[in-house]
PDB file of N, CA and C in Angstrom:
ATOM      1  N   MET A   1     103.876  60.697 124.282  1.00  0.00           N
ATOM      2  CA  MET A   1     104.701  61.864 124.548  1.00  0.00           C
ATOM      3  C   MET A   1     106.190  61.496 124.538  1.00  0.00           C
ATOM      4  N   LYS A   2     106.513  60.339 125.129  1.00  0.00           N
ATOM      5  CA  LYS A   2     107.913  59.911 125.159  1.00  0.00           C
ATOM      6  C   LYS A   2     108.423  59.636 123.756  1.00  0.00           C
ATOM      7  N   LYS A   3     107.570  59.083 122.906  1.00  0.00           N
ATOM      8  CA  LYS A   3     107.981  58.798 121.525  1.00  0.00           C
ATOM      9  C   LYS A   3     108.267  60.094 120.772  1.00  0.00           C
ATOM     10  N   ILE A   4     107.472  61.105 121.011  1.00  0.00           N
ATOM     11  CA  ILE A   4     107.685  62.394 120.352  1.00  0.00           C
ATOM     12  C   ILE A   4     108.993  63.019 120.811  1.00  0.00           C
ATOM     13  N   LEU A   5     109.262  62.963 122.101  1.00  0.00           N
ATOM     14  CA  LEU A   5     110.521  63.515 122.621  1.00  0.00           C
ATOM     15  C   LEU A   5     111.723  62.757 122.081  1.00  0.00           C
ATOM     16  N   LEU A   6     111.617  61.435 121.999  1.00  0.00           N
ATOM     17  CA  LEU A   6     112.708  60.622 121.465  1.00  0.00           C
ATOM     18  C   LEU A   6     112.940  60.954 119.993  1.00  0.00           C
ATOM     19  N   LEU A   7     111.861  61.069 119.220  1.00  0.00           N
ATOM     20  CA  LEU A   7     111.986  61.420 117.810  1.00  0.00           C
ATOM     21  C   LEU A   7     112.606  62.799 117.642  1.00  0.00           C
ATOM     22  N   LEU A   8     112.204  63.742 118.453  1.00  0.00           N
ATOM     23  CA  LEU A   8     112.769  65.093 118.412  1.00  0.00           C
ATOM     24  C   LEU A   8     114.252  65.069 118.751  1.00  0.00           C
ATOM     25  N   LEU A   9     114.636  64.306 119.751  1.00  0.00           N
ATOM     26  CA  LEU A   9     116.037  64.193 120.142  1.00  0.00           C
ATOM     27  C   LEU A   9     116.868  63.588 119.019  1.00  0.00           C
ATOM     28  N   ILE A  10     116.368  62.567 118.368  1.00  0.00           N
ATOM     29  CA  ILE A  10     117.079  61.936 117.256  1.00  0.00           C
ATOM     30  C   ILE A  10     117.235  62.917 116.104  1.00  0.00           C
ATOM     31  N   THR A  11     116.189  63.656 115.796  1.00  0.00           N
ATOM     32  CA  THR A  11     116.238  64.627 114.702  1.00  0.00           C
ATOM     33  C   THR A  11     117.241  65.733 114.975  1.00  0.00           C
ATOM     34  N   ILE A  12     117.266  66.228 116.183  1.00  0.00           N
ATOM     35  CA  ILE A  12     118.172  67.329 116.534  1.00  0.00           C
ATOM     36  C   ILE A  12     119.627  66.890 116.539  1.00  0.00           C
ATOM     37  N   THR A  13     119.919  65.697 117.015  1.00  0.00           N
ATOM     38  CA  THR A  13     121.302  65.247 117.150  1.00  0.00           C
ATOM     39  C   THR A  13     121.802  64.461 115.955  1.00  0.00           C
ATOM     40  N   ALA A  14     120.971  64.185 114.975  1.00  0.00           N
ATOM     41  CA  ALA A  14     121.369  63.362 113.832  1.00  0.00           C
ATOM     42  C   ALA A  14     122.616  63.870 113.119  1.00  0.00           C
ATOM     43  N   PRO A  15     122.781  65.175 112.829  1.00  0.00           N
ATOM     44  CA  PRO A  15     123.973  65.618 112.108  1.00  0.00           C
ATOM     45  C   PRO A  15     125.271  65.325 112.855  1.00  0.00           C
ATOM     46  N   VAL A  16     125.239  65.322 114.158  1.00  0.00           N
ATOM     47  CA  VAL A  16     126.438  65.077 114.944  1.00  0.00           C
ATOM     48  C   VAL A  16     126.891  63.636 114.789  1.00  0.00           C
ATOM     49  N   TYR A  17     125.946  62.725 114.648  1.00  0.00           N
ATOM     50  CA  TYR A  17     126.277  61.312 114.591  1.00  0.00           C
ATOM     51  C   TYR A  17     126.317  60.751 113.183  1.00  0.00           C
ATOM     52  N   ALA A  18     126.403  61.595 112.191  1.00  0.00           N
ATOM     53  CA  ALA A  18     126.540  61.133 110.814  1.00  0.00           C
ATOM     54  C   ALA A  18     127.883  60.418 110.675  1.00  0.00           C
ATOM     55  N   ASP A  19     128.046  59.712 109.603  1.00  0.00           N
ATOM     56  CA  ASP A  19     129.273  58.959 109.361  1.00  0.00           C
ATOM     57  C   ASP A  19     130.313  59.871 108.722  1.00  0.00           C
ATOM     58  N   TRP A  20     130.804  60.851 109.489  1.00  0.00           N
ATOM     59  CA  TRP A  20     131.737  61.848 108.974  1.00  0.00           C
ATOM     60  C   TRP A  20     133.083  61.224 108.652  1.00  0.00           C
ATOM     61  N   LYS A  21     133.636  61.581 107.498  1.00  0.00           N
ATOM     62  CA  LYS A  21     134.955  61.116 107.062  1.00  0.00           C
ATOM     63  C   LYS A  21     135.872  62.330 106.951  1.00  0.00           C
ATOM     64  N   LEU A  22     137.058  62.216 107.540  1.00  0.00           N
ATOM     65  CA  LEU A  22     138.027  63.314 107.503  1.00  0.00           C
ATOM     66  C   LEU A  22     138.501  63.538 106.070  1.00  0.00           C
ATOM     67  N   LEU A  23     138.428  64.790 105.622  1.00  0.00           N
ATOM     68  CA  LEU A  23     138.878  65.159 104.276  1.00  0.00           C
ATOM     69  C   LEU A  23     140.280  65.747 104.324  1.00  0.00           C
ATOM     70  N   ILE A  24     140.503  66.708 105.234  1.00  0.00           N
ATOM     71  CA  ILE A  24     141.804  67.376 105.336  1.00  0.00           C
ATOM     72  C   ILE A  24     141.895  68.102 106.684  1.00  0.00           C
ATOM     73  N   VAL A  25     143.127  68.211 107.187  1.00  0.00           N
ATOM     74  CA  VAL A  25     143.416  69.040 108.362  1.00  0.00           C
ATOM     75  C   VAL A  25     144.387  70.106 107.888  1.00  0.00           C
ATOM     76  N   THR A  26     144.027  71.368 108.079  1.00  0.00           N
ATOM     77  CA  THR A  26     144.875  72.467 107.625  1.00  0.00           C
ATOM     78  C   THR A  26     145.972  72.738 108.651  1.00  0.00           C
ATOM     79  N   LEU A  27     146.945  73.562 108.265  1.00  0.00           N
ATOM     80  CA  LEU A  27     148.078  73.872 109.133  1.00  0.00           C
ATOM     81  C   LEU A  27     147.659  74.422 110.496  1.00  0.00           C
ATOM     82  N   PRO A  28     146.682  75.330 110.570  1.00  0.00           N
ATOM     83  CA  PRO A  28     146.276  75.791 111.904  1.00  0.00           C
ATOM     84  C   PRO A  28     145.563  74.704 112.713  1.00  0.00           C
ATOM     85  N   GLY A  29     145.220  73.594 112.059  1.00  0.00           N
ATOM     86  CA  GLY A  29     144.560  72.507 112.772  1.00  0.00           C
ATOM     87  C   GLY A  29     143.060  72.443 112.573  1.00  0.00           C
ATOM     88  N   ASP A  30     142.520  73.226 111.651  1.00  0.00           N
ATOM     89  CA  ASP A  30     141.096  73.125 111.344  1.00  0.00           C
ATOM     90  C   ASP A  30     140.841  71.804 110.625  1.00  0.00           C
ATOM     91  N   SER A  31     139.779  71.115 110.999  1.00  0.00           N
ATOM     92  CA  SER A  31     139.455  69.802 110.424  1.00  0.00           C
ATOM     93  C   SER A  31     138.233  69.910 109.527  1.00  0.00           C
ATOM     94  N   TYR A  32     138.376  69.410 108.310  1.00  0.00           N
ATOM     95  CA  TYR A  32     137.271  69.384 107.350  1.00  0.00           C
ATOM     96  C   TYR A  32     136.809  67.940 107.196  1.00  0.00           C
ATOM     97  N   TYR A  33     135.509  67.721 107.389  1.00  0.00           N
ATOM     98  CA  TYR A  33     134.908  66.397 107.259  1.00  0.00           C
ATOM     99  C   TYR A  33     133.830  66.433 106.190  1.00  0.00           C
ATOM    100  N   VAL A  34     133.594  65.282 105.543  1.00  0.00           N
ATOM    101  CA  VAL A  34     132.481  65.152 104.597  1.00  0.00           C
ATOM    102  C   VAL A  34     131.544  64.070 105.115  1.00  0.00           C
ATOM    103  N   ASP A  35     130.276  64.203 104.787  1.00  0.00           N
ATOM    104  CA  ASP A  35     129.278  63.184 105.114  1.00  0.00           C
ATOM    105  C   ASP A  35     128.966  62.433 103.825  1.00  0.00           C
ATOM    106  N   PRO A  36     129.562  61.242 103.631  1.00  0.00           N
ATOM    107  CA  PRO A  36     129.376  60.502 102.378  1.00  0.00           C
ATOM    108  C   PRO A  36     127.909  60.214 102.045  1.00  0.00           C
ATOM    109  N   ALA A  37     127.060  60.127 103.045  1.00  0.00           N
ATOM    110  CA  ALA A  37     125.640  59.833 102.805  1.00  0.00           C
ATOM    111  C   ALA A  37     124.951  60.971 102.049  1.00  0.00           C
ATOM    112  N   THR A  38     125.527  62.179 102.068  1.00  0.00           N
ATOM    113  CA  THR A  38     124.903  63.326 101.402  1.00  0.00           C
ATOM    114  C   THR A  38     125.484  63.592 100.020  1.00  0.00           C
ATOM    115  N   LYS A  39     126.492  62.818  99.629  1.00  0.00           N
ATOM    116  CA  LYS A  39     127.148  63.046  98.339  1.00  0.00           C
ATOM    117  C   LYS A  39     126.225  62.671  97.183  1.00  0.00           C
ATOM    118  N   THR A  40     126.133  63.595  96.206  1.00  0.00           N
ATOM    119  CA  THR A  40     125.379  63.308  94.991  1.00  0.00           C
ATOM    120  C   THR A  40     126.365  63.113  93.844  1.00  0.00           C
ATOM    121  N   THR A  41     125.863  62.740  92.679  1.00  0.00           N
ATOM    122  CA  THR A  41     126.722  62.496  91.516  1.00  0.00           C
ATOM    123  C   THR A  41     126.281  63.386  90.358  1.00  0.00           C
ATOM    124  N   GLY A  42     126.983  63.273  89.244  1.00  0.00           N
ATOM    125  CA  GLY A  42     126.646  64.046  88.057  1.00  0.00           C
ATOM    126  C   GLY A  42     127.674  65.124  87.784  1.00  0.00           C
ATOM    127  N   ASP A  43     127.325  66.050  86.887  1.00  0.00           N
ATOM    128  CA  ASP A  43     128.234  67.137  86.524  1.00  0.00           C
ATOM    129  C   ASP A  43     128.393  68.165  87.636  1.00  0.00           C
ATOM    130  N   LYS A  44     127.387  68.245  88.530  1.00  0.00           N
ATOM    131  CA  LYS A  44     127.437  69.188  89.647  1.00  0.00           C
ATOM    132  C   LYS A  44     127.109  68.462  90.956  1.00  0.00           C
ATOM    133  N   PRO A  45     128.032  67.608  91.401  1.00  0.00           N
ATOM    134  CA  PRO A  45     127.774  66.877  92.642  1.00  0.00           C
ATOM    135  C   PRO A  45     127.828  67.783  93.868  1.00  0.00           C
ATOM    136  N   ARG A  46     127.137  67.360  94.920  1.00  0.00           N
ATOM    137  CA  ARG A  46     127.083  68.118  96.178  1.00  0.00           C
ATOM    138  C   ARG A  46     127.412  67.205  97.344  1.00  0.00           C
ATOM    139  N   VAL A  47     127.827  67.842  98.448  1.00  0.00           N
ATOM    140  CA  VAL A  47     128.077  67.106  99.684  1.00  0.00           C
ATOM    141  C   VAL A  47     127.983  68.078 100.859  1.00  0.00           C
ATOM    142  N   THR A  48     127.601  67.551 102.008  1.00  0.00           N
ATOM    143  CA  THR A  48     127.566  68.340 103.236  1.00  0.00           C
ATOM    144  C   THR A  48     128.881  68.144 103.964  1.00  0.00           C
ATOM    145  N   THR A  49     129.466  69.245 104.447  1.00  0.00           N
ATOM    146  CA  THR A  49     130.736  69.178 105.163  1.00  0.00           C
ATOM    147  C   THR A  49     130.601  69.779 106.560  1.00  0.00           C
ATOM    148  N   MET A  50     131.545  69.401 107.397  1.00  0.00           N
ATOM    149  CA  MET A  50     131.650  69.976 108.736  1.00  0.00           C
ATOM    150  C   MET A  50     133.076  70.490 108.890  1.00  0.00           C
ATOM    151  N   LEU A  51     133.197  71.742 109.294  1.00  0.00           N
ATOM    152  CA  LEU A  51     134.504  72.331 109.583  1.00  0.00           C
ATOM    153  C   LEU A  51     134.552  72.612 111.068  1.00  0.00           C
ATOM    154  N   ASN A  52     135.503  71.993 111.746  1.00  0.00           N
ATOM    155  CA  ASN A  52     135.714  72.237 113.169  1.00  0.00           C
ATOM    156  C   ASN A  52     136.977  73.053 113.340  1.00  0.00           C
ATOM    157  N   GLY A  53     136.833  74.241 113.922  1.00  0.00           N
ATOM    158  CA  GLY A  53     137.977  75.099 114.173  1.00  0.00           C
ATOM    159  C   GLY A  53     138.788  74.615 115.360  1.00  0.00           C
ATOM    160  N   ARG A  54     140.102  74.868 115.338  1.00  0.00           N
ATOM    161  CA  ARG A  54     141.003  74.408 116.394  1.00  0.00           C
ATOM    162  C   ARG A  54     141.512  75.528 117.279  1.00  0.00           C
ATOM    163  N   SER A  55     141.696  76.713 116.711  1.00  0.00           N
ATOM    164  CA  SER A  55     142.300  77.789 117.488  1.00  0.00           C
ATOM    165  C   SER A  55     141.310  78.342 118.514  1.00  0.00           C
ATOM    166  N   GLN A  56     141.824  79.092 119.465  1.00  0.00           N
ATOM    167  CA  GLN A  56     140.984  79.667 120.517  1.00  0.00           C
ATOM    168  C   GLN A  56     139.875  80.531 119.927  1.00  0.00           C
ATOM    169  N   GLU A  57     140.186  81.253 118.855  1.00  0.00           N
ATOM    170  CA  GLU A  57     139.199  82.139 118.231  1.00  0.00           C
ATOM    171  C   GLU A  57     138.187  81.378 117.382  1.00  0.00           C
ATOM    172  N   THR A  58     138.560  80.204 116.900  1.00  0.00           N
ATOM    173  CA  THR A  58     137.684  79.488 115.966  1.00  0.00           C
ATOM    174  C   THR A  58     137.224  78.136 116.502  1.00  0.00           C
ATOM    175  N   ARG A  59     136.993  78.032 117.769  1.00  0.00           N
ATOM    176  CA  ARG A  59     136.471  76.767 118.308  1.00  0.00           C
ATOM    177  C   ARG A  59     134.975  76.669 118.053  1.00  0.00           C
ATOM    178  N   THR A  60     134.631  76.912 116.818  1.00  0.00           N
ATOM    179  CA  THR A  60     133.250  76.831 116.374  1.00  0.00           C
ATOM    180  C   THR A  60     133.179  75.750 115.302  1.00  0.00           C
ATOM    181  N   SER A  61     131.995  75.524 114.779  1.00  0.00           N
ATOM    182  CA  SER A  61     131.858  74.600 113.660  1.00  0.00           C
ATOM    183  C   SER A  61     130.962  75.211 112.607  1.00  0.00           C
ATOM    184  N   ASN A  62     131.196  74.804 111.383  1.00  0.00           N
ATOM    185  CA  ASN A  62     130.405  75.257 110.245  1.00  0.00           C
ATOM    186  C   ASN A  62     129.871  74.040 109.505  1.00  0.00           C
ATOM    187  N   LYS A  63     128.585  74.075 109.209  1.00  0.00           N
ATOM    188  CA  LYS A  63     127.974  73.056 108.368  1.00  0.00           C
ATOM    189  C   LYS A  63     127.756  73.716 107.013  1.00  0.00           C
ATOM    190  N   VAL A  64     128.436  73.187 105.995  1.00  0.00           N
ATOM    191  CA  VAL A  64     128.396  73.813 104.675  1.00  0.00           C
ATOM    192  C   VAL A  64     127.988  72.775 103.633  1.00  0.00           C
ATOM    193  N   VAL A  65     127.061  73.148 102.770  1.00  0.00           N
ATOM    194  CA  VAL A  65     126.717  72.317 101.615  1.00  0.00           C
ATOM    195  C   VAL A  65     127.481  72.876 100.432  1.00  0.00           C
ATOM    196  N   TRP A  66     128.332  72.026  99.844  1.00  0.00           N
ATOM    197  CA  TRP A  66     129.187  72.421  98.719  1.00  0.00           C
ATOM    198  C   TRP A  66     128.683  71.804  97.428  1.00  0.00           C
ATOM    199  N   GLU A  67     128.943  72.505  96.326  1.00  0.00           N
ATOM    200  CA  GLU A  67     128.654  71.990  94.997  1.00  0.00           C
ATOM    201  C   GLU A  67     129.905  72.186  94.147  1.00  0.00           C
ATOM    202  N   ALA A  68     130.250  71.164  93.374  1.00  0.00           N
ATOM    203  CA  ALA A  68     131.373  71.268  92.438  1.00  0.00           C
ATOM    204  C   ALA A  68     130.825  71.261  91.020  1.00  0.00           C
ATOM    205  N   ASP A  69     131.407  72.067  90.177  1.00  0.00           N
ATOM    206  CA  ASP A  69     131.082  72.035  88.754  1.00  0.00           C
ATOM    207  C   ASP A  69     132.263  71.346  88.077  1.00  0.00           C
ATOM    208  N   CYS A  70     132.095  70.070  87.767  1.00  0.00           N
ATOM    209  CA  CYS A  70     133.198  69.263  87.247  1.00  0.00           C
ATOM    210  C   CYS A  70     133.606  69.667  85.836  1.00  0.00           C
ATOM    211  N   LYS A  71     132.734  70.325  85.091  1.00  0.00           N
ATOM    212  CA  LYS A  71     133.066  70.757  83.731  1.00  0.00           C
ATOM    213  C   LYS A  71     133.778  72.112  83.727  1.00  0.00           C
ATOM    214  N   LYS A  72     133.326  73.031  84.568  1.00  0.00           N
ATOM    215  CA  LYS A  72     133.926  74.369  84.619  1.00  0.00           C
ATOM    216  C   LYS A  72     135.043  74.465  85.662  1.00  0.00           C
ATOM    217  N   ILE A  73     135.307  73.402  86.390  1.00  0.00           N
ATOM    218  CA  ILE A  73     136.348  73.347  87.421  1.00  0.00           C
ATOM    219  C   ILE A  73     136.136  74.469  88.444  1.00  0.00           C
ATOM    220  N   ARG A  74     135.026  74.409  89.119  1.00  0.00           N
ATOM    221  CA  ARG A  74     134.681  75.392  90.150  1.00  0.00           C
ATOM    222  C   ARG A  74     134.009  74.689  91.328  1.00  0.00           C
ATOM    223  N   VAL A  75     134.100  75.304  92.491  1.00  0.00           N
ATOM    224  CA  VAL A  75     133.354  74.855  93.670  1.00  0.00           C
ATOM    225  C   VAL A  75     132.677  76.080  94.282  1.00  0.00           C
ATOM    226  N   ARG A  76     131.565  75.828  94.948  1.00  0.00           N
ATOM    227  CA  ARG A  76     130.898  76.934  95.639  1.00  0.00           C
ATOM    228  C   ARG A  76     130.104  76.389  96.804  1.00  0.00           C
ATOM    229  N   ALA A  77     130.007  77.206  97.820  1.00  0.00           N
ATOM    230  CA  ALA A  77     129.196  76.874  98.985  1.00  0.00           C
ATOM    231  C   ALA A  77     127.760  77.292  98.680  1.00  0.00           C
ATOM    232  N   LEU A  78     126.836  76.373  98.904  1.00  0.00           N
ATOM    233  CA  LEU A  78     125.428  76.667  98.659  1.00  0.00           C
ATOM    234  C   LEU A  78     124.738  77.203  99.905  1.00  0.00           C
ATOM    235  N   SER A  79     125.196  76.757 101.072  1.00  0.00           N
ATOM    236  CA  SER A  79     124.643  77.253 102.341  1.00  0.00           C
ATOM    237  C   SER A  79     125.673  77.021 103.439  1.00  0.00           C
ATOM    238  N   ARG A  80     125.583  77.842 104.492  1.00  0.00           N
ATOM    239  CA  ARG A  80     126.504  77.690 105.623  1.00  0.00           C
ATOM    240  C   ARG A  80     125.792  78.077 106.909  1.00  0.00           C
ATOM    241  N   ILE A  81     125.977  77.224 107.908  1.00  0.00           N
ATOM    242  CA  ILE A  81     125.449  77.492 109.248  1.00  0.00           C
ATOM    243  C   ILE A  81     126.624  77.407 110.212  1.00  0.00           C
ATOM    244  N   ARG A  82     126.822  78.447 111.017  1.00  0.00           N
ATOM    245  CA  ARG A  82     127.907  78.446 112.001  1.00  0.00           C
ATOM    246  C   ARG A  82     127.322  78.219 113.389  1.00  0.00           C
ATOM    247  N   TYR A  83     127.947  77.275 114.109  1.00  0.00           N
ATOM    248  CA  TYR A  83     127.528  76.928 115.466  1.00  0.00           C
ATOM    249  C   TYR A  83     128.545  77.456 116.477  1.00  0.00           C
ATOM    250  N   GLN A  84     128.077  77.688 117.672  1.00  0.00           N
ATOM    251  CA  GLN A  84     128.887  78.258 118.745  1.00  0.00           C
ATOM    252  C   GLN A  84     130.053  77.350 119.143  1.00  0.00           C
ATOM    253  N   LYS A  85     129.839  76.044 119.076  1.00  0.00           N
ATOM    254  CA  LYS A  85     130.868  75.089 119.492  1.00  0.00           C
ATOM    255  C   LYS A  85     131.131  74.079 118.379  1.00  0.00           C
ATOM    256  N   ARG A  86     132.162  73.307 118.571  1.00  0.00           N
ATOM    257  CA  ARG A  86     132.529  72.275 117.609  1.00  0.00           C
ATOM    258  C   ARG A  86     131.455  71.197 117.537  1.00  0.00           C
ATOM    259  N   TYR A  87     131.433  70.470 116.426  1.00  0.00           N
ATOM    260  CA  TYR A  87     130.499  69.357 116.196  1.00  0.00           C
ATOM    261  C   TYR A  87     129.037  69.784 116.252  1.00  0.00           C
ATOM    262  N   PHE A  88     128.747  70.979 115.746  1.00  0.00           N
ATOM    263  CA  PHE A  88     127.383  71.514 115.657  1.00  0.00           C
ATOM    264  C   PHE A  88     126.703  71.637 117.014  1.00  0.00           C
ATOM    265  N   GLN A  89     127.457  71.941 118.034  1.00  0.00           N
ATOM    266  CA  GLN A  89     126.899  72.101 119.371  1.00  0.00           C
ATOM    267  C   GLN A  89     126.743  73.584 119.691  1.00  0.00           C
ATOM    268  N   GLY A  90     125.901  73.881 120.646  1.00  0.00           N
ATOM    269  CA  GLY A  90     125.676  75.265 121.038  1.00  0.00           C
ATOM    270  C   GLY A  90     124.680  75.935 120.107  1.00  0.00           C
ATOM    271  N   LYS A  91     124.505  77.224 120.325  1.00  0.00           N
ATOM    272  CA  LYS A  91     123.512  77.939 119.525  1.00  0.00           C
ATOM    273  C   LYS A  91     124.048  78.259 118.135  1.00  0.00           C
ATOM    274  N   VAL A  92     123.134  78.488 117.217  1.00  0.00           N
ATOM    275  CA  VAL A  92     123.490  78.888 115.862  1.00  0.00           C
ATOM    276  C   VAL A  92     123.897  80.352 115.900  1.00  0.00           C
ATOM    277  N   LEU A  93     125.113  80.650 115.438  1.00  0.00           N
ATOM    278  CA  LEU A  93     125.605  82.024 115.419  1.00  0.00           C
ATOM    279  C   LEU A  93     125.094  82.775 114.193  1.00  0.00           C
ATOM    280  N   PHE A  94     125.045  82.092 113.055  1.00  0.00           N
ATOM    281  CA  PHE A  94     124.416  82.677 111.870  1.00  0.00           C
ATOM    282  C   PHE A  94     124.117  81.588 110.860  1.00  0.00           C
ATOM    283  N   ASN A  95     123.186  81.911 109.969  1.00  0.00           N
ATOM    284  CA  ASN A  95     122.772  81.014 108.899  1.00  0.00           C
ATOM    285  C   ASN A  95     122.852  81.811 107.610  1.00  0.00           C
ATOM    286  N   ASP A  96     123.779  81.448 106.751  1.00  0.00           N
ATOM    287  CA  ASP A  96     124.014  82.173 105.512  1.00  0.00           C
ATOM    288  C   ASP A  96     123.546  81.326 104.327  1.00  0.00           C
ATOM    289  N   PRO A  97     122.379  81.632 103.755  1.00  0.00           N
ATOM    290  CA  PRO A  97     121.881  80.819 102.650  1.00  0.00           C
ATOM    291  C   PRO A  97     122.585  81.092 101.311  1.00  0.00           C
ATOM    292  N   TYR A  98     123.369  82.159 101.197  1.00  0.00           N
ATOM    293  CA  TYR A  98     124.086  82.481  99.956  1.00  0.00           C
ATOM    294  C   TYR A  98     125.528  82.863 100.274  1.00  0.00           C
ATOM    295  N   PRO A  99     126.360  81.892 100.669  1.00  0.00           N
ATOM    296  CA  PRO A  99     127.698  82.233 101.170  1.00  0.00           C
ATOM    297  C   PRO A  99     128.769  82.556 100.139  1.00  0.00           C
ATOM    298  N   GLY A 100     128.568  82.246  98.869  1.00  0.00           N
ATOM    299  CA  GLY A 100     129.657  82.591  97.969  1.00  0.00           C
ATOM    300  C   GLY A 100     129.425  82.241  96.521  1.00  0.00           C
ATOM    301  N   ASP A 101     130.273  82.823  95.679  1.00  0.00           N
ATOM    302  CA  ASP A 101     130.255  82.565  94.249  1.00  0.00           C
ATOM    303  C   ASP A 101     131.179  81.391  93.935  1.00  0.00           C
ATOM    304  N   PRO A 102     131.025  80.800  92.755  1.00  0.00           N
ATOM    305  CA  PRO A 102     131.935  79.720  92.358  1.00  0.00           C
ATOM    306  C   PRO A 102     133.380  80.217  92.271  1.00  0.00           C
ATOM    307  N   VAL A 103     134.308  79.395  92.754  1.00  0.00           N
ATOM    308  CA  VAL A 103     135.732  79.743  92.725  1.00  0.00           C
ATOM    309  C   VAL A 103     136.531  78.565  92.187  1.00  0.00           C
ATOM    310  N   TYR A 104     137.700  78.863  91.632  1.00  0.00           N
ATOM    311  CA  TYR A 104     138.609  77.808  91.194  1.00  0.00           C
ATOM    312  C   TYR A 104     139.263  77.204  92.432  1.00  0.00           C
ATOM    313  N   PRO A 105     139.300  75.882  92.547  1.00  0.00           N
ATOM    314  CA  PRO A 105     139.938  75.257  93.712  1.00  0.00           C
ATOM    315  C   PRO A 105     141.460  75.343  93.627  1.00  0.00           C
ATOM    316  N   LEU A 106     142.057  76.157  94.477  1.00  0.00           N
ATOM    317  CA  LEU A 106     143.503  76.371  94.453  1.00  0.00           C
ATOM    318  C   LEU A 106     144.260  75.111  94.867  1.00  0.00           C
ATOM    319  N   PRO A 107     145.467  74.908  94.336  1.00  0.00           N
ATOM    320  CA  PRO A 107     146.260  73.725  94.669  1.00  0.00           C
ATOM    321  C   PRO A 107     146.512  73.600  96.177  1.00  0.00           C
ATOM    322  N   ASN A 108     146.422  72.384  96.675  1.00  0.00           N
ATOM    323  CA  ASN A 108     146.688  72.040  98.080  1.00  0.00           C
ATOM    324  C   ASN A 108     145.767  72.755  99.066  1.00  0.00           C
ATOM    325  N   SER A 109     144.602  73.139  98.633  1.00  0.00           N
ATOM    326  CA  SER A 109     143.645  73.820  99.506  1.00  0.00           C
ATOM    327  C   SER A 109     142.504  72.864  99.870  1.00  0.00           C
ATOM    328  N   PRO A 110     141.744  73.206 100.906  1.00  0.00           N
ATOM    329  CA  PRO A 110     140.569  72.390 101.224  1.00  0.00           C
ATOM    330  C   PRO A 110     139.583  72.311 100.049  1.00  0.00           C
ATOM    331  N   THR A 111     139.455  73.394  99.277  1.00  0.00           N
ATOM    332  CA  THR A 111     138.528  73.331  98.147  1.00  0.00           C
ATOM    333  C   THR A 111     139.029  72.399  97.039  1.00  0.00           C
ATOM    334  N   GLU A 112     140.352  72.283  96.879  1.00  0.00           N
ATOM    335  CA  GLU A 112     140.882  71.320  95.907  1.00  0.00           C
ATOM    336  C   GLU A 112     140.573  69.893  96.366  1.00  0.00           C
ATOM    337  N   LYS A 113     140.790  69.606  97.647  1.00  0.00           N
ATOM    338  CA  LYS A 113     140.490  68.266  98.179  1.00  0.00           C
ATOM    339  C   LYS A 113     139.003  67.949  98.016  1.00  0.00           C
ATOM    340  N   LEU A 114     138.173  68.945  98.238  1.00  0.00           N
ATOM    341  CA  LEU A 114     136.732  68.781  98.086  1.00  0.00           C
ATOM    342  C   LEU A 114     136.376  68.515  96.624  1.00  0.00           C
ATOM    343  N   PHE A 115     136.988  69.263  95.712  1.00  0.00           N
ATOM    344  CA  PHE A 115     136.754  69.063  94.281  1.00  0.00           C
ATOM    345  C   PHE A 115     137.141  67.641  93.871  1.00  0.00           C
ATOM    346  N   ILE A 116     138.300  67.186  94.305  1.00  0.00           N
ATOM    347  CA  ILE A 116     138.759  65.832  93.981  1.00  0.00           C
ATOM    348  C   ILE A 116     137.781  64.799  94.538  1.00  0.00           C
ATOM    349  N   TYR A 117     137.319  65.015  95.770  1.00  0.00           N
ATOM    350  CA  TYR A 117     136.368  64.095  96.390  1.00  0.00           C
ATOM    351  C   TYR A 117     135.071  64.021  95.571  1.00  0.00           C
ATOM    352  N   LEU A 118     134.587  65.166  95.102  1.00  0.00           N
ATOM    353  CA  LEU A 118     133.314  65.189  94.389  1.00  0.00           C
ATOM    354  C   LEU A 118     133.431  64.782  92.917  1.00  0.00           C
ATOM    355  N   CYS A 119     134.483  65.232  92.238  1.00  0.00           N
ATOM    356  CA  CYS A 119     134.594  65.016  90.797  1.00  0.00           C
ATOM    357  C   CYS A 119     135.489  63.829  90.422  1.00  0.00           C
ATOM    358  N   GLY A 120     136.384  63.443  91.320  1.00  0.00           N
ATOM    359  CA  GLY A 120     137.223  62.281  91.052  1.00  0.00           C
ATOM    360  C   GLY A 120     138.509  62.559  90.301  1.00  0.00           C
ATOM    361  N   PHE A 121     138.851  63.838  90.093  1.00  0.00           N
ATOM    362  CA  PHE A 121     140.116  64.175  89.447  1.00  0.00           C
ATOM    363  C   PHE A 121     140.602  65.520  89.958  1.00  0.00           C
ATOM    364  N   LYS A 122     141.926  65.748  89.803  1.00  0.00           N
ATOM    365  CA  LYS A 122     142.510  67.028  90.214  1.00  0.00           C
ATOM    366  C   LYS A 122     142.116  68.100  89.208  1.00  0.00           C
ATOM    367  N   PRO A 123     141.860  69.312  89.696  1.00  0.00           N
ATOM    368  CA  PRO A 123     141.506  70.398  88.774  1.00  0.00           C
ATOM    369  C   PRO A 123     142.572  70.645  87.707  1.00  0.00           C
ATOM    370  N   SER A 124     143.832  70.477  88.056  1.00  0.00           N
ATOM    371  CA  SER A 124     144.920  70.704  87.101  1.00  0.00           C
ATOM    372  C   SER A 124     144.986  69.619  86.036  1.00  0.00           C
ATOM    373  N   ARG A 125     144.297  68.513  86.263  1.00  0.00           N
ATOM    374  CA  ARG A 125     144.291  67.400  85.296  1.00  0.00           C
ATOM    375  C   ARG A 125     142.897  67.219  84.711  1.00  0.00           C
ATOM    376  N   ALA A 126     142.206  68.311  84.537  1.00  0.00           N
ATOM    377  CA  ALA A 126     140.833  68.269  84.031  1.00  0.00           C
ATOM    378  C   ALA A 126     140.809  67.723  82.600  1.00  0.00           C
ATOM    379  N   PRO A 127     139.817  66.894  82.308  1.00  0.00           N
ATOM    380  CA  PRO A 127     139.690  66.417  80.914  1.00  0.00           C
ATOM    381  C   PRO A 127     139.419  67.586  79.980  1.00  0.00           C
ATOM    382  N   ARG A 128     140.038  67.577  78.854  1.00  0.00           N
ATOM    383  CA  ARG A 128     139.859  68.670  77.878  1.00  0.00           C
ATOM    384  C   ARG A 128     138.852  68.272  76.835  1.00  0.00           C
TER     385      ARG A 128
END
């Protein structure tokens, strides 16, 4: 019984203790992290991110799986889960399995930093 409880505890808390790497901090102070262990390669690489809100209204966290299309210069969120507190703590506020369409990563935005992280080049310097 103790082994089952320990395994359950490890499974539940595993995302919090991943090897998160800071990607960008926005002007309001929101922090975007990537989990390098989840990064894939190829023409459409993916990675899991954590967004921790800083303001009083956004002291929540979002776990988002992103995909970049390195040929079409687009990024899109594949799934998003919002938690009540930062670092995936508290109850799940919502789970959105289809959060958005592919978008062009705008200059100096979190999506541009994410695109560079996944594809290895700036969208404005895309190979022709």
